[in-house]
Amino acid sequence: MEKRGGFLKLVESVLRLSGGQMEAISLSGHCGLSRPTVVTYLGGLEVTFTGLDALAV
C-alpha cells in the first residue's frame, strides 16, 4: 500500500467514531490523504468488513 501511514490514521479515526457519522473531507485532512483516496479506502474497508460479517453468520 502506497500511503500506509495515512491508511492507518484513517482506520484509527474510523474506529474512534464509534458509529458516528463521518465526512470524507474531514478525514482526508486529518489523515493527510486526498478525499478520493479516503473514499476508495473506505470502500475497501466496507467490502472487507461486509465479507467478514457474511462469513461469521
Protein backbone atom coordinates (compact mmCIF):
# COMPACT_ATOMS: atom_id res chain seq x y z
CA MET A 1 0.00 0.00 0.00
CA GLU A 2 1.47 3.28 -1.14
CA LYS A 3 0.13 5.51 1.64
CA ARG A 4 0.28 3.13 4.58
CA GLY A 5 0.63 5.80 7.28
CA GLY A 6 -2.42 7.69 6.03
CA PHE A 7 -4.39 4.47 5.75
CA LEU A 8 -3.59 3.53 9.35
CA LYS A 9 -4.62 7.00 10.55
CA LEU A 10 -7.87 6.63 8.60
CA VAL A 11 -8.64 3.25 10.16
CA GLU A 12 -7.88 4.61 13.63
CA SER A 13 -10.13 7.62 13.03
CA VAL A 14 -12.99 5.47 11.75
CA LEU A 15 -12.74 3.16 14.77
CA ARG A 16 -12.80 6.13 17.15
CA LEU A 17 -16.03 7.44 15.61
CA SER A 18 -17.93 4.62 17.28
CA GLY A 19 -20.87 4.56 14.87
CA GLY A 20 -21.00 8.33 14.40
CA GLN A 21 -21.22 10.00 11.03
CA MET A 22 -18.08 10.89 9.18
CA GLU A 23 -17.20 13.24 6.35
CA ALA A 24 -14.55 12.13 3.89
CA ILE A 25 -13.19 15.66 3.56
CA SER A 26 -12.62 15.94 7.34
CA LEU A 27 -10.95 12.55 7.45
CA SER A 28 -8.76 13.41 4.47
CA GLY A 29 -7.34 16.46 6.22
CA HIS A 30 -6.68 14.55 9.42
CA CYS A 31 -5.01 11.62 7.64
CA GLY A 32 -3.07 13.57 5.03
CA LEU A 33 -4.87 11.82 2.18
CA SER A 34 -6.91 13.19 -0.69
CA ARG A 35 -10.70 12.92 -0.47
CA PRO A 36 -10.85 10.44 -3.40
CA THR A 37 -8.23 8.26 -1.67
CA VAL A 38 -10.25 8.30 1.57
CA VAL A 39 -13.39 7.30 -0.33
CA THR A 40 -11.50 4.46 -2.06
CA TYR A 41 -10.02 3.20 1.22
CA LEU A 42 -13.40 3.38 2.99
CA GLY A 43 -14.95 1.39 0.13
CA GLY A 44 -12.27 -1.26 0.56
CA LEU A 45 -12.87 -1.41 4.29
CA GLU A 46 -16.61 -1.72 3.73
CA VAL A 47 -16.14 -4.65 1.33
CA THR A 48 -13.68 -6.31 3.70
CA PHE A 49 -15.89 -5.97 6.77
CA THR A 50 -19.00 -6.99 4.85
CA GLY A 51 -17.21 -10.14 3.73
CA LEU A 52 -16.16 -10.90 7.29
CA ASP A 53 -19.69 -10.37 8.56
CA ALA A 54 -21.05 -12.75 5.94
CA LEU A 55 -18.56 -15.44 6.99
CA ALA A 56 -19.49 -15.07 10.65
CA VAL A 57 -23.18 -15.75 10.03
